[in-house]
Structures are given as structure tokens and as C-alpha cells.
Amino acid sequence: MRILMLTRFYLNGQTTHVFSLCSQLLKSGHQPFLVAANLNHPVYYQWLRNQQIPFSASADPAFVEQLMQKYDFELIHTHSFHTLELALDLGRRHQIPVAATCHYLDFQSLEKLAHADKIITISPEMAETLPLPPDKTVMIENGIDTAALKAARLPKEHTVPKAVVVTRMTDNKEPGYAKLVKVLINRGWKVQSVGNWRPHYLGIPYTGWQVDLRSTYQTADLVIGTGRSIREGMAAGAAAFVLGDYLDGIVTETNVEVLRHYNFSGRAQKQIPTTQAIVDQIDCLTESNLSKLQVFSYQYAHQHFSQKKMTDAVVAVYQSLLG
């Protein structure tokens, strides 16, 4: 299938999902062309080239119209509010179907989203919460490249447990994260931040946003974040700690289905991340319990989070649109 993939570039999990979907579609024999508006990051440029994914950083309507003429796309798949109107317009004028993935509960203009031929929601919570046309809507969770995370965990350089924060930080989230880091440091943990959070005042090392986090995940004992970070951390064999605007805490065999229902967002229990609530969670991470959680994380993620299975489900949506 020839697919025009539309999104707006941000340094977040949505971008990683769209780019990974294009990569998997290519491996499966399809022909995606990615238009990522505002793509201005050289590392992502290089990753797309290495993956041999054809792409453009321009979503100018006149330019995209030229792409339509050149590649004769069979369908359009849009992932952002900012590219939704363009997708719908192109679909109408070229008489081809439009699929739209809704990545956020606060997606702007659900009324416009409802005009897509098929709508993909990424969690059961979203499917239940948003007033979308049931006959058009299908739920497909985001997948990750579990095959790339099958390598054995790298040997530890020391016996001090290591926690890695992988998140796109916001003002709402930061107070809870600062409390968590302080609790971990007070209990002898080494903590690192990966992404846009650079908390100088906490004295922890940090790096900018990274495209490939495999080695970071595989040396972590605990991964802290939401959504994709949790899935990837688990697949690499780390224990996982869900913290967004709210606190859901450690992912365990007992609560994993509930937390997954809410896409590991922190909204399952909506606990306020007080210091005491965080302490209660971290004090559960004894050495033996941490080891058990890591084994569980790895096994569960590889059973449930396959990017290939996710892509197969998306392709089934495409096929339903093409008849």
C-alpha cells in the first residue's frame, strides 16, 4: 500500500510512534511517505535516512499536492490536529480514505476528527472517554520494537541501583518528579534524566532527548515516566514507575492491566504525588522485589507490546478502508 503519513514533529512519544510505524510498514512491504511538519532535528533526519523512510519536513498544501500527484497514494493517515484538516481536504479532493490516530484525551476539535473515515484511539480509556462515532472507531495500543530490546541486560558498573527519568517535562509534572528524585537519592539510588528536564538544583546528570535509548534502558534498574517510556523500559527488563501529572507508581503483576488500560498515564488512580505517597512506593523496592519486578516487566512487555502486532492491526484498518 502507498500511504501518506502526516504528523507534526515534537520531541515526544507521538513522534517516536509515527516514525516507528513508518519503519515497520516499510519492513512489511508497504510504501509509507512521511510528512512531518516542523521537523528540524538533525538526529531524526539521520534516523529516517538510515531507515530508508522517504520524508519531508514541509506540510505546505501546494507541496503535499505535488506529492499526491507524484506517488498516487492509496490512503492518508494523520496523527496530529495540525495536519487533520489538510488530510481531510486531500482525501475529499482525491477521493481516497483518511485514517486518523487520536493520541491525546484533549485532542482539539473532536468534531473534525469525526470526519475521518476511520479513527484509531490508543487506549481503552480513550475509547471509553471520547465521544467518537463508534462505527468508525477502533482501539489499537501503541507498540514498541520489542525485538530491539531482547539483548541481555548490560553488566552493572556498580552495585548502586540506577533510576532513569524519561519524560517530556511540564510545569504540572515537575514538583512530583523533584520529590521522587529526592526520595531516591536519600535511599542511595543513582538517578539520571533523559529528555527536556534539566534539574540543576537536584544535582543529577541529564542528557537531551535521544532517538535510541536501548543502552540507557538496559543499564537501568527502574524507569520513570509514562506511556512509551514505561513500555520500552519494561521491555528492556527494568522495573517501571508511572508518574505523570498524577502518581500511579510501580507497575506490578497485580496492577499492570489497570495501568495499561489508562496507557500508563498516571490517571488510573490519580494519586497526588506527595512525598509520603512516593516513599510508600519506593520502600517496596527491596533488592529481591526489584529483581522479581524486572523479570515480570520483561516477560509482560514482550508478550503484549509488539510493534509488529500493532502495525498488523493498523494495516487491517487500512485494508478495511480500501475494501
Protein backbone atom coordinates (compact mmCIF):
# COMPACT_ATOMS: atom_id res chain seq x y z
CA MET A 1 0.00 0.00 0.00
CA ARG A 2 1.09 3.55 -0.73
CA ILE A 3 0.43 5.60 2.40
CA LEU A 4 0.80 9.32 3.01
CA MET A 5 1.67 9.66 6.73
CA LEU A 6 1.04 13.12 8.20
CA THR A 7 2.14 14.45 11.58
CA ARG A 8 3.61 17.47 13.29
CA PHE A 9 7.06 16.98 14.76
CA TYR A 10 7.54 17.26 18.51
CA LEU A 11 10.14 15.74 20.81
CA ASN A 12 7.72 13.28 22.35
CA GLY A 13 6.36 9.74 22.23
CA GLN A 14 3.89 10.56 19.46
CA THR A 15 6.75 11.33 17.07
CA THR A 16 8.55 8.14 18.05
CA HIS A 17 5.36 6.17 17.45
CA VAL A 18 4.74 7.64 13.98
CA PHE A 19 8.35 7.19 12.85
CA SER A 20 8.45 3.62 14.18
CA LEU A 21 5.16 2.82 12.45
CA CYS A 22 6.64 4.01 9.15
CA SER A 23 9.70 1.82 9.72
CA GLN A 24 7.59 -1.26 10.44
CA LEU A 25 5.29 -0.60 7.48
CA LEU A 26 8.36 -0.47 5.25
CA LYS A 27 9.60 -3.79 6.66
CA SER A 28 6.17 -5.27 5.98
CA GLY A 29 6.39 -4.37 2.29
CA HIS A 30 4.30 -1.19 2.25
CA GLN A 31 5.31 2.24 0.93
CA PRO A 32 4.83 4.99 3.51
CA PHE A 33 5.83 8.58 2.76
CA LEU A 34 6.20 10.67 5.92
CA VAL A 35 5.37 14.36 6.05
CA ALA A 36 6.44 15.68 9.46
CA ALA A 37 5.68 19.39 9.71
CA ASN A 38 8.32 21.42 11.57
CA LEU A 39 10.84 18.56 11.56
CA ASN A 40 14.04 20.42 12.38
CA HIS A 41 16.15 17.88 14.29
CA PRO A 42 19.28 16.55 12.53
CA VAL A 43 19.40 13.33 14.56
CA TYR A 44 15.88 12.42 13.44
CA TYR A 45 16.77 13.33 9.85
CA GLN A 46 19.63 10.85 10.02
CA TRP A 47 17.48 8.16 11.64
CA LEU A 48 14.87 8.43 8.87
CA ARG A 49 17.57 8.22 6.21
CA ASN A 50 19.13 5.18 7.89
CA GLN A 51 15.72 3.53 7.94
CA GLN A 52 15.26 4.48 4.24
CA ILE A 53 11.93 6.16 5.00
CA PRO A 54 11.08 8.81 2.39
CA PHE A 55 10.10 12.00 4.18
CA SER A 56 9.62 15.74 4.03
CA ALA A 57 9.57 18.44 6.69
CA SER A 58 7.16 20.58 4.66
CA ALA A 59 3.39 20.31 5.07
CA ASP A 60 2.74 23.20 2.72
CA PRO A 61 -0.51 22.28 0.93
CA ALA A 62 0.88 23.04 -2.52
CA PHE A 63 3.92 20.84 -1.90
CA VAL A 64 1.83 17.99 -0.48
CA GLU A 65 -0.43 18.24 -3.53
CA GLN A 66 2.66 17.63 -5.69
CA LEU A 67 3.41 14.54 -3.59
CA MET A 68 -0.14 13.30 -4.17
CA GLN A 69 0.31 13.64 -7.91
CA LYS A 70 3.74 12.01 -7.89
CA TYR A 71 3.10 9.00 -5.63
CA ASP A 72 -0.61 8.31 -6.22
CA PHE A 73 -1.23 7.44 -2.56
CA GLU A 74 -4.00 4.97 -1.79
CA LEU A 75 -4.81 6.42 1.62
CA ILE A 76 -3.80 9.05 4.16
CA HIS A 77 -3.03 8.51 7.84
CA THR A 78 -2.85 11.63 10.01
CA HIS A 79 -1.66 11.80 13.63
CA SER A 80 -1.95 15.45 14.63
CA PHE A 81 -4.67 18.06 14.97
CA HIS A 82 -2.38 20.33 12.98
CA THR A 83 -2.42 18.02 9.94
CA LEU A 84 -6.02 16.81 10.25
CA GLU A 85 -7.63 19.49 8.09
CA LEU A 86 -5.01 19.01 5.36
CA ALA A 87 -5.62 15.24 5.42
CA LEU A 88 -9.39 15.62 5.18
CA ASP A 89 -9.11 18.11 2.34
CA LEU A 90 -6.74 15.88 0.38
CA GLY A 91 -8.95 12.88 1.00
CA ARG A 92 -12.03 14.68 -0.33
CA ARG A 93 -10.34 16.06 -3.41
CA HIS A 94 -8.53 12.84 -4.36
CA GLN A 95 -11.34 10.50 -3.29
CA ILE A 96 -9.12 8.38 -1.03
CA PRO A 97 -9.80 7.34 2.57
CA VAL A 98 -8.37 9.07 5.63
CA ALA A 99 -7.41 7.33 8.86
CA ALA A 100 -6.69 9.48 11.92
CA THR A 101 -4.99 8.42 15.13
CA CYS A 102 -6.01 10.30 18.27
CA HIS A 103 -3.02 10.39 20.65
CA TYR A 104 -4.41 12.60 23.43
CA LEU A 105 -7.57 12.88 25.51
CA ASP A 106 -7.52 16.64 24.93
CA PHE A 107 -7.34 16.33 21.14
CA GLN A 108 -8.57 19.60 19.68
CA SER A 109 -11.72 19.57 17.58
CA LEU A 110 -13.22 16.12 18.02
CA GLU A 111 -15.91 17.27 15.60
CA LYS A 112 -13.34 17.48 12.81
CA LEU A 113 -11.77 14.20 13.88
CA ALA A 114 -15.15 12.51 13.40
CA HIS A 115 -14.96 13.32 9.67
CA ALA A 116 -12.11 10.85 9.18
CA ASP A 117 -13.09 7.54 7.60
CA LYS A 118 -11.52 5.61 10.47
CA ILE A 119 -10.34 6.79 13.89
CA ILE A 120 -7.73 4.95 15.93
CA THR A 121 -7.63 5.52 19.69
CA ILE A 122 -4.55 4.34 21.60
CA SER A 123 -6.03 3.11 24.89
CA PRO A 124 -9.22 1.65 26.31
CA GLU A 125 -9.53 4.79 28.48
CA MET A 126 -9.54 6.96 25.38
CA ALA A 127 -12.03 4.73 23.57
CA GLU A 128 -14.39 4.91 26.55
CA THR A 129 -13.94 8.61 27.27
CA LEU A 130 -14.06 10.43 23.94
CA PRO A 131 -17.44 10.89 22.20
CA LEU A 132 -16.35 9.49 18.83
CA PRO A 133 -18.55 7.65 16.30
CA PRO A 134 -18.44 4.00 17.41
CA ASP A 135 -18.83 2.66 13.88
CA LYS A 136 -15.66 4.48 12.80
CA THR A 137 -13.51 3.98 15.88
CA VAL A 138 -11.05 1.20 16.68
CA MET A 139 -8.65 0.91 19.62
CA ILE A 140 -5.02 -0.03 18.86
CA GLU A 141 -2.43 0.43 21.57
CA ASN A 142 0.96 1.85 20.65
CA GLY A 143 3.58 -0.84 20.14
CA ILE A 144 7.33 -0.80 20.60
CA ASP A 145 10.20 -2.60 18.92
CA THR A 146 10.49 -5.42 21.43
CA ALA A 147 12.90 -7.28 19.14
CA ALA A 148 15.44 -4.45 19.54
CA LEU A 149 15.22 -4.79 23.32
CA LYS A 150 15.84 -8.53 23.56
CA ALA A 151 19.57 -8.20 24.24
CA ALA A 152 20.76 -9.29 27.66
CA ARG A 153 20.93 -6.53 30.25
CA LEU A 154 24.32 -4.90 30.28
CA PRO A 155 26.54 -5.66 33.28
CA LYS A 156 26.25 -3.14 36.08
CA GLU A 157 29.23 -0.92 36.71
CA HIS A 158 28.43 -0.77 40.42
CA THR A 159 26.01 -2.10 43.00
CA VAL A 160 24.17 1.21 43.44
CA PRO A 161 20.68 0.89 41.88
CA LYS A 162 20.05 3.20 38.94
CA ALA A 163 16.83 5.01 38.06
CA VAL A 164 16.27 6.78 34.74
CA VAL A 165 13.69 9.52 34.21
CA VAL A 166 12.43 9.52 30.61
CA THR A 167 9.73 12.14 30.16
CA ARG A 168 8.70 15.33 28.44
CA MET A 169 8.60 17.55 31.49
CA THR A 170 5.86 20.11 32.14
CA ASP A 171 5.29 22.60 34.95
CA ASN A 172 2.50 20.41 36.29
CA LYS A 173 4.66 17.29 36.45
CA GLU A 174 7.89 18.76 37.78
CA PRO A 175 7.04 19.03 41.52
CA GLY A 176 6.20 15.32 41.72
CA TYR A 177 9.34 14.36 39.83
CA ALA A 178 11.51 16.52 42.09
CA LYS A 179 10.05 14.83 45.18
CA LEU A 180 10.64 11.39 43.66
CA VAL A 181 14.27 12.15 42.79
CA LYS A 182 14.93 13.41 46.32
CA VAL A 183 13.41 10.25 47.82
CA LEU A 184 15.52 8.03 45.55
CA ILE A 185 18.75 9.91 46.30
CA ASN A 186 18.05 9.74 50.04
CA ARG A 187 17.76 5.95 49.70
CA GLY A 188 21.05 5.59 47.86
CA TRP A 189 19.88 5.49 44.25
CA LYS A 190 21.72 6.95 41.29
CA VAL A 191 19.29 8.98 39.15
CA GLN A 192 19.62 10.23 35.57
CA SER A 193 17.27 12.39 33.49
CA VAL A 194 16.85 11.87 29.74
CA GLY A 195 14.80 14.38 27.77
CA ASN A 196 13.99 18.03 28.27
CA TRP A 197 14.20 18.03 32.09
CA ARG A 198 17.46 19.54 33.30
CA PRO A 199 17.06 19.91 37.08
CA HIS A 200 20.34 21.64 38.01
CA TYR A 201 19.06 22.12 41.56
CA LEU A 202 18.85 18.36 42.16
CA GLY A 203 22.44 17.62 41.18
CA ILE A 204 21.65 14.67 38.89
CA PRO A 205 23.16 14.04 35.44
CA TYR A 206 20.97 14.69 32.43
CA THR A 207 21.09 14.38 28.67
CA GLY A 208 18.96 15.86 25.95
CA TRP A 209 16.32 13.96 24.02
CA GLN A 210 17.71 10.79 22.44
CA VAL A 211 16.46 8.76 19.49
CA ASP A 212 17.89 5.43 20.65
CA LEU A 213 17.58 4.69 24.36
CA ARG A 214 18.33 0.96 24.29
CA SER A 215 21.61 1.07 26.18
CA THR A 216 20.17 3.54 28.71
CA TYR A 217 17.18 1.33 29.41
CA GLN A 218 19.27 -1.81 29.67
CA THR A 219 21.50 -0.37 32.39
CA ALA A 220 18.54 0.98 34.39
CA ASP A 221 17.02 -0.81 37.35
CA LEU A 222 13.99 1.49 37.34
CA VAL A 223 12.48 3.57 34.51
CA ILE A 224 10.26 6.51 35.47
CA GLY A 225 7.80 8.13 33.08
CA THR A 226 4.53 7.50 31.28
CA GLY A 227 3.27 5.81 28.11
CA ARG A 228 6.01 4.74 25.72
CA SER A 229 8.80 5.18 28.28
CA ILE A 230 7.13 2.63 30.54
CA ARG A 231 6.63 0.15 27.71
CA GLU A 232 10.22 0.43 26.49
CA GLY A 233 11.68 0.31 29.98
CA MET A 234 9.73 -2.83 30.78
CA ALA A 235 10.77 -4.47 27.51
CA ALA A 236 14.40 -3.81 28.40
CA GLY A 237 13.94 -5.59 31.72
CA ALA A 238 13.68 -2.62 34.08
CA ALA A 239 11.09 -2.13 36.77
CA ALA A 240 8.70 0.70 35.87
CA PHE A 241 7.31 3.64 37.84
CA VAL A 242 4.38 5.62 36.40
CA LEU A 243 4.38 9.34 37.18
CA GLY A 244 2.64 12.00 35.13
CA ASP A 245 0.50 14.82 36.49
CA TYR A 246 -0.64 12.13 38.90
CA LEU A 247 1.02 9.14 40.53
CA ASP A 248 0.28 5.50 39.74
CA GLY A 249 3.62 4.23 40.99
CA ILE A 250 5.30 0.88 40.45
CA VAL A 251 3.96 -1.39 37.71
CA THR A 252 3.32 -4.81 39.22
CA GLU A 253 1.70 -8.07 38.19
CA THR A 254 -1.32 -7.04 40.26
CA ASN A 255 -1.95 -3.60 38.76
CA VAL A 256 -0.48 -3.81 35.26
CA GLU A 257 -3.80 -4.40 33.47
CA VAL A 258 -5.41 -1.40 35.13
CA LEU A 259 -2.44 0.88 34.48
CA ARG A 260 -2.25 -0.31 30.88
CA HIS A 261 -5.97 0.45 30.47
CA TYR A 262 -5.02 4.09 31.12
CA ASN A 263 -1.94 3.88 28.89
CA PHE A 264 0.44 4.09 31.87
CA SER A 265 -0.51 7.77 32.18
CA GLY A 266 -0.89 8.19 35.95
CA ARG A 267 -4.65 8.58 35.55
CA ALA A 268 -5.62 5.12 36.79
CA GLN A 269 -5.59 6.08 40.47
CA LYS A 270 -4.93 9.81 40.14
CA GLN A 271 -2.95 9.94 43.36
CA ILE A 272 -1.39 13.28 44.23
CA PRO A 273 2.40 12.69 44.22
CA THR A 274 3.06 13.67 47.81
CA THR A 275 6.38 12.77 49.39
CA GLN A 276 4.71 10.18 51.62
CA ALA A 277 2.90 8.53 48.69
CA ILE A 278 6.21 8.30 46.82
CA VAL A 279 8.05 6.93 49.87
CA ASP A 280 5.41 4.21 50.25
CA GLN A 281 6.11 3.11 46.68
CA ILE A 282 9.91 3.31 46.72
CA ASP A 283 10.21 1.46 50.01
CA CYS A 284 8.64 -1.55 48.27
CA LEU A 285 11.71 -1.82 46.05
CA THR A 286 13.79 -4.16 48.14
CA GLU A 287 16.58 -5.90 46.27
CA SER A 288 14.66 -9.16 45.88
CA ASN A 289 11.39 -7.45 44.93
CA LEU A 290 13.18 -5.24 42.40
CA SER A 291 14.65 -8.32 40.73
CA LYS A 292 11.24 -10.00 40.53
CA LEU A 293 9.67 -6.87 39.06
CA GLN A 294 12.35 -6.71 36.38
CA VAL A 295 11.71 -10.29 35.29
CA PHE A 296 7.95 -9.65 35.24
CA SER A 297 8.39 -6.41 33.25
CA TYR A 298 10.46 -8.09 30.57
CA GLN A 299 8.11 -11.04 30.14
CA TYR A 300 4.93 -8.95 30.12
CA ALA A 301 6.26 -6.37 27.66
CA HIS A 302 7.48 -8.94 25.17
CA GLN A 303 4.13 -10.72 25.34
CA HIS A 304 1.93 -7.62 24.93
CA PHE A 305 3.74 -4.62 23.41
CA SER A 306 4.89 -5.86 19.99
CA GLN A 307 5.28 -3.15 17.37
CA LYS A 308 4.74 -5.72 14.63
CA LYS A 309 1.37 -6.76 16.07
CA MET A 310 0.39 -3.11 16.39
CA THR A 311 1.37 -2.44 12.77
CA ASP A 312 -0.56 -5.50 11.58
CA ALA A 313 -3.65 -4.10 13.32
CA VAL A 314 -3.14 -0.70 11.65
CA VAL A 315 -2.74 -2.40 8.26
CA ALA A 316 -6.03 -4.21 8.88
CA VAL A 317 -7.65 -0.78 9.34
CA TYR A 318 -6.14 0.36 6.04
CA GLN A 319 -7.43 -2.74 4.29
CA SER A 320 -10.93 -2.18 5.66
CA LEU A 321 -10.89 1.31 4.15
CA LEU A 322 -9.70 0.11 0.78
CA GLY A 323 -12.22 -2.71 0.61
